[in-house]
Amino acid sequence: MKTSFQAVAASLVGLVTFATLLFLPAGTFNYWQAWVFIAVFSIATTAPSIYWAMRRPEVLQRRMNVGPTAETRPAQKAAVIGLLVSFAALLAVSAFDHRFSWSTVPAAVSLLGDLLVAIGLGVSMLVAEQNSFAASNITVEAEQKVVSAGLYGLVRHPMYLGALIMMVGVPLALGSYWGLVVLGPTLIVFAARILDEEKMLNDELDGYPEYSHQVHARLVPYVW
């Protein structure tokens, strides 16, 4: 029950943060792309949280343990801060684009962006369902085992793949092409986080070196 209340509180804080980062830079509430994005994001994250709270609270607890303070490795603390800053910049730049009309994005493209957001979040949630040890912070638990089935048979870090798909969709959903520029630094932070995480997994998770030889792609199949 405590975890459920924490999840509700986190959702409310997230909504307020999103609203601040979107409507303040946009200078208006007359921003339908932002409203639709917030609705899609909220539904795509709230529904699985309710399911986990009712059926698998341990999964929700691991997902709630998030942020730089939840990390034990200095490189991961820095990476999490970098990702949070990147995501905030993604929202703010897209909102400023709406305010000053830097780019013109058709409504169909914005709706495609919303679909990518939903797909990306869906992939991340599916990963947590396939691997109950998939947490928001980087850790290896005593009873944890390597998962190589499902999405883990495609890439070694499918949760990050879902996050990447979602982040590509965000600026499009918000009616901005300039927001895509923020993805450059974001990819660098993702890569740094993954490489440091794999150092720990190779050292602490039994069977991970063998798994990494079986599944070659870290983030995107046939790319990296």
C-alpha atoms as a PDB file:
ATOM      1  CA  MET A   1       0.000   0.000   0.000  1.00  0.00           C
ATOM      2  CA  LYS A   2       2.868   2.355   0.819  1.00  0.00           C
ATOM      3  CA  THR A   3       4.380   1.740  -2.616  1.00  0.00           C
ATOM      4  CA  SER A   4       1.020   2.524  -4.247  1.00  0.00           C
ATOM      5  CA  PHE A   5       0.807   5.862  -2.449  1.00  0.00           C
ATOM      6  CA  GLN A   6       4.388   6.614  -3.479  1.00  0.00           C
ATOM      7  CA  ALA A   7       3.490   5.824  -7.088  1.00  0.00           C
ATOM      8  CA  VAL A   8       0.468   8.142  -6.971  1.00  0.00           C
ATOM      9  CA  ALA A   9       2.557  10.914  -5.425  1.00  0.00           C
ATOM     10  CA  ALA A  10       5.285  10.438  -8.032  1.00  0.00           C
ATOM     11  CA  SER A  11       2.682  10.621 -10.810  1.00  0.00           C
ATOM     12  CA  LEU A  12       1.277  13.891  -9.464  1.00  0.00           C
ATOM     13  CA  VAL A  13       4.759  15.384  -9.161  1.00  0.00           C
ATOM     14  CA  GLY A  14       5.477  14.240 -12.701  1.00  0.00           C
ATOM     15  CA  LEU A  15       2.327  15.903 -14.030  1.00  0.00           C
ATOM     16  CA  VAL A  16       3.175  19.188 -12.332  1.00  0.00           C
ATOM     17  CA  THR A  17       6.732  19.011 -13.667  1.00  0.00           C
ATOM     18  CA  PHE A  18       5.543  18.269 -17.200  1.00  0.00           C
ATOM     19  CA  ALA A  19       3.035  21.120 -17.061  1.00  0.00           C
ATOM     20  CA  THR A  20       5.718  23.535 -15.853  1.00  0.00           C
ATOM     21  CA  LEU A  21       8.266  22.497 -18.479  1.00  0.00           C
ATOM     22  CA  LEU A  22       5.701  22.692 -21.277  1.00  0.00           C
ATOM     23  CA  PHE A  23       3.195  25.458 -20.667  1.00  0.00           C
ATOM     24  CA  LEU A  24       5.591  27.955 -19.102  1.00  0.00           C
ATOM     25  CA  PRO A  25       8.033  27.996 -22.060  1.00  0.00           C
ATOM     26  CA  ALA A  26       5.091  27.805 -24.482  1.00  0.00           C
ATOM     27  CA  GLY A  27       3.575  30.872 -22.814  1.00  0.00           C
ATOM     28  CA  THR A  28       0.065  29.487 -23.229  1.00  0.00           C
ATOM     29  CA  PHE A  29      -2.274  26.672 -22.261  1.00  0.00           C
ATOM     30  CA  ASN A  30      -3.593  26.692 -25.834  1.00  0.00           C
ATOM     31  CA  TYR A  31      -1.191  23.933 -26.812  1.00  0.00           C
ATOM     32  CA  TRP A  32      -3.163  20.836 -27.799  1.00  0.00           C
ATOM     33  CA  GLN A  33      -0.039  18.838 -28.621  1.00  0.00           C
ATOM     34  CA  ALA A  34       1.142  19.180 -25.015  1.00  0.00           C
ATOM     35  CA  TRP A  35      -2.230  18.140 -23.605  1.00  0.00           C
ATOM     36  CA  VAL A  36      -2.387  15.053 -25.810  1.00  0.00           C
ATOM     37  CA  PHE A  37       1.222  14.139 -24.965  1.00  0.00           C
ATOM     38  CA  ILE A  38       0.567  14.426 -21.225  1.00  0.00           C
ATOM     39  CA  ALA A  39      -2.554  12.263 -21.592  1.00  0.00           C
ATOM     40  CA  VAL A  40      -0.712   9.579 -23.587  1.00  0.00           C
ATOM     41  CA  PHE A  41       2.241   9.561 -21.198  1.00  0.00           C
ATOM     42  CA  SER A  42      -0.010   9.392 -18.140  1.00  0.00           C
ATOM     43  CA  ILE A  43      -2.144   6.525 -19.458  1.00  0.00           C
ATOM     44  CA  ALA A  44       0.860   4.546 -20.709  1.00  0.00           C
ATOM     45  CA  THR A  45       2.597   4.745 -17.329  1.00  0.00           C
ATOM     46  CA  THR A  46      -0.352   4.651 -14.924  1.00  0.00           C
ATOM     47  CA  ALA A  47      -2.048   1.506 -16.267  1.00  0.00           C
ATOM     48  CA  PRO A  48       1.011  -0.767 -15.762  1.00  0.00           C
ATOM     49  CA  SER A  49       1.661   0.793 -12.341  1.00  0.00           C
ATOM     50  CA  ILE A  50      -1.869  -0.102 -11.222  1.00  0.00           C
ATOM     51  CA  TYR A  51      -1.387  -3.659 -12.492  1.00  0.00           C
ATOM     52  CA  TRP A  52       1.954  -4.039 -10.721  1.00  0.00           C
ATOM     53  CA  ALA A  53       0.603  -2.552  -7.507  1.00  0.00           C
ATOM     54  CA  MET A  54      -2.165  -5.161  -7.509  1.00  0.00           C
ATOM     55  CA  ARG A  55      -0.300  -8.201  -8.823  1.00  0.00           C
ATOM     56  CA  ARG A  56       3.457  -7.659  -8.584  1.00  0.00           C
ATOM     57  CA  PRO A  57       4.316  -4.947  -6.048  1.00  0.00           C
ATOM     58  CA  GLU A  58       7.998  -5.941  -6.058  1.00  0.00           C
ATOM     59  CA  VAL A  59       8.230  -4.805  -9.689  1.00  0.00           C
ATOM     60  CA  LEU A  60       6.642  -1.449  -8.881  1.00  0.00           C
ATOM     61  CA  GLN A  61       8.994  -1.017  -5.935  1.00  0.00           C
ATOM     62  CA  ARG A  62      12.035  -1.524  -8.161  1.00  0.00           C
ATOM     63  CA  ARG A  63      10.613   0.927 -10.694  1.00  0.00           C
ATOM     64  CA  MET A  64      10.046   3.507  -7.943  1.00  0.00           C
ATOM     65  CA  ASN A  65      13.672   3.381  -6.805  1.00  0.00           C
ATOM     66  CA  VAL A  66      14.799   6.049  -9.240  1.00  0.00           C
ATOM     67  CA  GLY A  67      17.025   9.112  -9.408  1.00  0.00           C
ATOM     68  CA  PRO A  68      20.701   9.916  -8.844  1.00  0.00           C
ATOM     69  CA  THR A  69      20.484   9.160  -5.119  1.00  0.00           C
ATOM     70  CA  ALA A  70      19.328   5.604  -5.922  1.00  0.00           C
ATOM     71  CA  GLU A  71      22.568   4.902  -7.785  1.00  0.00           C
ATOM     72  CA  THR A  72      25.700   3.577  -6.082  1.00  0.00           C
ATOM     73  CA  ARG A  73      28.186   4.119  -8.924  1.00  0.00           C
ATOM     74  CA  PRO A  74      29.444   7.692  -9.532  1.00  0.00           C
ATOM     75  CA  ALA A  75      29.239   7.230 -13.303  1.00  0.00           C
ATOM     76  CA  GLN A  76      25.592   6.223 -13.000  1.00  0.00           C
ATOM     77  CA  LYS A  77      24.762   9.179 -10.767  1.00  0.00           C
ATOM     78  CA  ALA A  78      26.222  11.487 -13.418  1.00  0.00           C
ATOM     79  CA  ALA A  79      24.395   9.628 -16.204  1.00  0.00           C
ATOM     80  CA  VAL A  80      21.030   9.869 -14.456  1.00  0.00           C
ATOM     81  CA  ILE A  81      21.494  13.603 -13.898  1.00  0.00           C
ATOM     82  CA  GLY A  82      22.431  13.961 -17.562  1.00  0.00           C
ATOM     83  CA  LEU A  83      19.325  12.069 -18.691  1.00  0.00           C
ATOM     84  CA  LEU A  84      17.043  14.117 -16.444  1.00  0.00           C
ATOM     85  CA  VAL A  85      18.519  17.355 -17.785  1.00  0.00           C
ATOM     86  CA  SER A  86      18.249  16.069 -21.358  1.00  0.00           C
ATOM     87  CA  PHE A  87      14.594  15.127 -20.943  1.00  0.00           C
ATOM     88  CA  ALA A  88      13.770  18.487 -19.366  1.00  0.00           C
ATOM     89  CA  ALA A  89      15.557  20.229 -22.247  1.00  0.00           C
ATOM     90  CA  LEU A  90      13.641  18.067 -24.729  1.00  0.00           C
ATOM     91  CA  LEU A  91      10.337  19.301 -23.306  1.00  0.00           C
ATOM     92  CA  ALA A  92      11.378  22.930 -22.899  1.00  0.00           C
ATOM     93  CA  VAL A  93      12.969  23.299 -26.348  1.00  0.00           C
ATOM     94  CA  SER A  94       9.892  21.740 -27.967  1.00  0.00           C
ATOM     95  CA  ALA A  95       7.637  24.129 -26.043  1.00  0.00           C
ATOM     96  CA  PHE A  96       9.734  27.156 -27.030  1.00  0.00           C
ATOM     97  CA  ASP A  97       9.514  25.926 -30.626  1.00  0.00           C
ATOM     98  CA  HIS A  98       5.722  26.015 -30.311  1.00  0.00           C
ATOM     99  CA  ARG A  99       5.834  29.509 -28.814  1.00  0.00           C
ATOM    100  CA  PHE A 100       8.083  31.042 -31.481  1.00  0.00           C
ATOM    101  CA  SER A 101       6.990  28.823 -34.421  1.00  0.00           C
ATOM    102  CA  TRP A 102      10.511  27.725 -35.298  1.00  0.00           C
ATOM    103  CA  SER A 103       9.185  24.696 -37.135  1.00  0.00           C
ATOM    104  CA  THR A 104       5.879  23.627 -38.628  1.00  0.00           C
ATOM    105  CA  VAL A 105       4.841  20.081 -37.793  1.00  0.00           C
ATOM    106  CA  PRO A 106       1.649  18.617 -39.304  1.00  0.00           C
ATOM    107  CA  ALA A 107      -0.907  17.237 -36.875  1.00  0.00           C
ATOM    108  CA  ALA A 108      -0.426  13.761 -38.355  1.00  0.00           C
ATOM    109  CA  VAL A 109       3.277  13.874 -37.445  1.00  0.00           C
ATOM    110  CA  SER A 110       2.421  14.954 -33.897  1.00  0.00           C
ATOM    111  CA  LEU A 111       0.031  12.025 -33.572  1.00  0.00           C
ATOM    112  CA  LEU A 112       2.763   9.733 -34.923  1.00  0.00           C
ATOM    113  CA  GLY A 113       5.003  11.133 -32.185  1.00  0.00           C
ATOM    114  CA  ASP A 114       2.354  10.264 -29.593  1.00  0.00           C
ATOM    115  CA  LEU A 115       2.271   6.728 -31.005  1.00  0.00           C
ATOM    116  CA  LEU A 116       6.058   6.472 -30.648  1.00  0.00           C
ATOM    117  CA  VAL A 117       5.783   7.707 -27.057  1.00  0.00           C
ATOM    118  CA  ALA A 118       3.194   5.019 -26.306  1.00  0.00           C
ATOM    119  CA  ILE A 119       5.257   2.318 -28.041  1.00  0.00           C
ATOM    120  CA  GLY A 120       8.461   3.334 -26.269  1.00  0.00           C
ATOM    121  CA  LEU A 121       6.807   3.354 -22.861  1.00  0.00           C
ATOM    122  CA  GLY A 122       5.087   0.077 -23.713  1.00  0.00           C
ATOM    123  CA  VAL A 123       8.431  -1.527 -24.526  1.00  0.00           C
ATOM    124  CA  SER A 124       9.884  -0.347 -21.213  1.00  0.00           C
ATOM    125  CA  MET A 125       6.886  -1.690 -19.296  1.00  0.00           C
ATOM    126  CA  LEU A 126       7.059  -5.025 -21.153  1.00  0.00           C
ATOM    127  CA  VAL A 127      10.719  -5.311 -20.182  1.00  0.00           C
ATOM    128  CA  ALA A 128       9.792  -4.952 -16.516  1.00  0.00           C
ATOM    129  CA  GLU A 129       7.186  -7.690 -17.005  1.00  0.00           C
ATOM    130  CA  GLN A 130       9.684 -10.035 -18.686  1.00  0.00           C
ATOM    131  CA  ASN A 131      12.415  -9.305 -16.152  1.00  0.00           C
ATOM    132  CA  SER A 132      11.120  -8.526 -12.668  1.00  0.00           C
ATOM    133  CA  PHE A 133      14.658  -7.478 -11.656  1.00  0.00           C
ATOM    134  CA  ALA A 134      14.692  -4.680 -14.223  1.00  0.00           C
ATOM    135  CA  ALA A 135      14.953  -1.631 -11.989  1.00  0.00           C
ATOM    136  CA  SER A 136      15.243   2.092 -12.578  1.00  0.00           C
ATOM    137  CA  ASN A 137      18.628   2.071 -10.856  1.00  0.00           C
ATOM    138  CA  ILE A 138      21.660  -0.058 -11.680  1.00  0.00           C
ATOM    139  CA  THR A 139      21.957  -2.937  -9.231  1.00  0.00           C
ATOM    140  CA  VAL A 140      22.509  -6.691  -9.080  1.00  0.00           C
ATOM    141  CA  GLU A 141      20.550  -8.629  -6.482  1.00  0.00           C
ATOM    142  CA  ALA A 142      21.676 -11.891  -4.891  1.00  0.00           C
ATOM    143  CA  GLU A 143      19.032 -14.080  -6.556  1.00  0.00           C
ATOM    144  CA  GLN A 144      19.129 -12.278  -9.909  1.00  0.00           C
ATOM    145  CA  LYS A 145      19.690 -14.302 -13.070  1.00  0.00           C
ATOM    146  CA  VAL A 146      20.377 -13.387 -16.678  1.00  0.00           C
ATOM    147  CA  VAL A 147      17.256 -13.047 -18.815  1.00  0.00           C
ATOM    148  CA  SER A 148      17.834 -13.847 -22.482  1.00  0.00           C
ATOM    149  CA  ALA A 149      14.275 -14.459 -23.737  1.00  0.00           C
ATOM    150  CA  GLY A 150      11.745 -12.012 -25.151  1.00  0.00           C
ATOM    151  CA  LEU A 151      13.070  -8.539 -25.877  1.00  0.00           C
ATOM    152  CA  TYR A 152      16.367  -9.510 -24.243  1.00  0.00           C
ATOM    153  CA  GLY A 153      16.909 -11.806 -27.209  1.00  0.00           C
ATOM    154  CA  LEU A 154      17.001  -8.752 -29.495  1.00  0.00           C
ATOM    155  CA  VAL A 155      19.123  -6.284 -27.532  1.00  0.00           C
ATOM    156  CA  ARG A 156      20.901  -6.428 -24.190  1.00  0.00           C
ATOM    157  CA  HIS A 157      19.227  -3.251 -22.907  1.00  0.00           C
ATOM    158  CA  PRO A 158      15.645  -3.244 -24.231  1.00  0.00           C
ATOM    159  CA  MET A 159      14.459  -0.849 -21.514  1.00  0.00           C
ATOM    160  CA  TYR A 160      16.813   1.807 -22.863  1.00  0.00           C
ATOM    161  CA  LEU A 161      15.621   1.022 -26.391  1.00  0.00           C
ATOM    162  CA  GLY A 162      12.073   1.752 -25.235  1.00  0.00           C
ATOM    163  CA  ALA A 163      13.232   4.991 -23.625  1.00  0.00           C
ATOM    164  CA  LEU A 164      14.998   5.993 -26.849  1.00  0.00           C
ATOM    165  CA  ILE A 165      11.892   5.334 -28.965  1.00  0.00           C
ATOM    166  CA  MET A 166       9.866   7.383 -26.504  1.00  0.00           C
ATOM    167  CA  MET A 167      12.323  10.289 -26.581  1.00  0.00           C
ATOM    168  CA  VAL A 168      12.324  10.360 -30.382  1.00  0.00           C
ATOM    169  CA  GLY A 169       8.550  10.627 -30.249  1.00  0.00           C
ATOM    170  CA  VAL A 170       8.381  13.393 -27.635  1.00  0.00           C
ATOM    171  CA  PRO A 171       9.399  16.413 -29.745  1.00  0.00           C
ATOM    172  CA  LEU A 172       7.298  15.214 -32.669  1.00  0.00           C
ATOM    173  CA  ALA A 173       4.314  14.766 -30.353  1.00  0.00           C
ATOM    174  CA  LEU A 174       4.878  18.302 -29.094  1.00  0.00           C
ATOM    175  CA  GLY A 175       4.970  19.706 -32.614  1.00  0.00           C
ATOM    176  CA  SER A 176       8.690  20.381 -32.798  1.00  0.00           C
ATOM    177  CA  TYR A 177      11.513  19.359 -35.102  1.00  0.00           C
ATOM    178  CA  TRP A 178      14.098  21.418 -33.228  1.00  0.00           C
ATOM    179  CA  GLY A 179      13.549  19.316 -30.130  1.00  0.00           C
ATOM    180  CA  LEU A 180      15.159  16.423 -32.009  1.00  0.00           C
ATOM    181  CA  VAL A 181      18.491  18.249 -31.726  1.00  0.00           C
ATOM    182  CA  VAL A 182      18.516  17.452 -27.998  1.00  0.00           C
ATOM    183  CA  LEU A 183      18.682  13.750 -28.832  1.00  0.00           C
ATOM    184  CA  GLY A 184      22.352  14.065 -29.815  1.00  0.00           C
ATOM    185  CA  PRO A 185      23.679  14.692 -26.278  1.00  0.00           C
ATOM    186  CA  THR A 186      21.073  12.268 -24.931  1.00  0.00           C
ATOM    187  CA  LEU A 187      22.504   9.415 -27.009  1.00  0.00           C
ATOM    188  CA  ILE A 188      25.971  10.119 -25.615  1.00  0.00           C
ATOM    189  CA  VAL A 189      24.647   9.903 -22.056  1.00  0.00           C
ATOM    190  CA  PHE A 190      22.757   6.690 -22.878  1.00  0.00           C
ATOM    191  CA  ALA A 191      25.929   5.142 -24.298  1.00  0.00           C
ATOM    192  CA  ALA A 192      27.984   6.127 -21.243  1.00  0.00           C
ATOM    193  CA  ARG A 193      25.350   4.687 -18.880  1.00  0.00           C
ATOM    194  CA  ILE A 194      25.160   1.417 -20.808  1.00  0.00           C
ATOM    195  CA  LEU A 195      28.934   0.929 -20.994  1.00  0.00           C
ATOM    196  CA  ASP A 196      29.351   1.511 -17.252  1.00  0.00           C
ATOM    197  CA  GLU A 197      26.394  -0.747 -16.480  1.00  0.00           C
ATOM    198  CA  GLU A 198      27.901  -3.547 -18.545  1.00  0.00           C
ATOM    199  CA  LYS A 199      31.154  -3.311 -16.594  1.00  0.00           C
ATOM    200  CA  MET A 200      29.215  -4.045 -13.415  1.00  0.00           C
ATOM    201  CA  LEU A 201      27.077  -6.773 -14.992  1.00  0.00           C
ATOM    202  CA  ASN A 202      30.140  -8.556 -16.383  1.00  0.00           C
ATOM    203  CA  ASP A 203      31.739  -8.492 -12.934  1.00  0.00           C
ATOM    204  CA  GLU A 204      28.731  -9.252 -10.726  1.00  0.00           C
ATOM    205  CA  LEU A 205      26.018 -11.093 -12.694  1.00  0.00           C
ATOM    206  CA  ASP A 206      26.723 -14.763 -13.378  1.00  0.00           C
ATOM    207  CA  GLY A 207      26.321 -15.677 -17.022  1.00  0.00           C
ATOM    208  CA  TYR A 208      26.294 -12.123 -18.342  1.00  0.00           C
ATOM    209  CA  PRO A 209      29.579 -12.384 -20.321  1.00  0.00           C
ATOM    210  CA  GLU A 210      28.195 -15.467 -22.102  1.00  0.00           C
ATOM    211  CA  TYR A 211      24.914 -13.670 -22.749  1.00  0.00           C
ATOM    212  CA  SER A 212      26.715 -10.654 -24.225  1.00  0.00           C
ATOM    213  CA  HIS A 213      28.422 -12.970 -26.713  1.00  0.00           C
ATOM    214  CA  GLN A 214      25.058 -14.464 -27.631  1.00  0.00           C
ATOM    215  CA  VAL A 215      23.224 -11.117 -28.071  1.00  0.00           C
ATOM    216  CA  HIS A 216      25.576  -8.653 -29.743  1.00  0.00           C
ATOM    217  CA  ALA A 217      23.439  -5.494 -29.918  1.00  0.00           C
ATOM    218  CA  ARG A 218      23.405  -3.310 -26.826  1.00  0.00           C
ATOM    219  CA  LEU A 219      20.734  -0.763 -27.763  1.00  0.00           C
ATOM    220  CA  VAL A 220      19.665  -0.949 -31.427  1.00  0.00           C
ATOM    221  CA  PRO A 221      19.708  -4.219 -33.432  1.00  0.00           C
ATOM    222  CA  TYR A 222      22.421  -4.318 -36.116  1.00  0.00           C
ATOM    223  CA  VAL A 223      23.618  -0.832 -35.131  1.00  0.00           C
ATOM    224  CA  TRP A 224      25.157  -0.893 -31.620  1.00  0.00           C
END
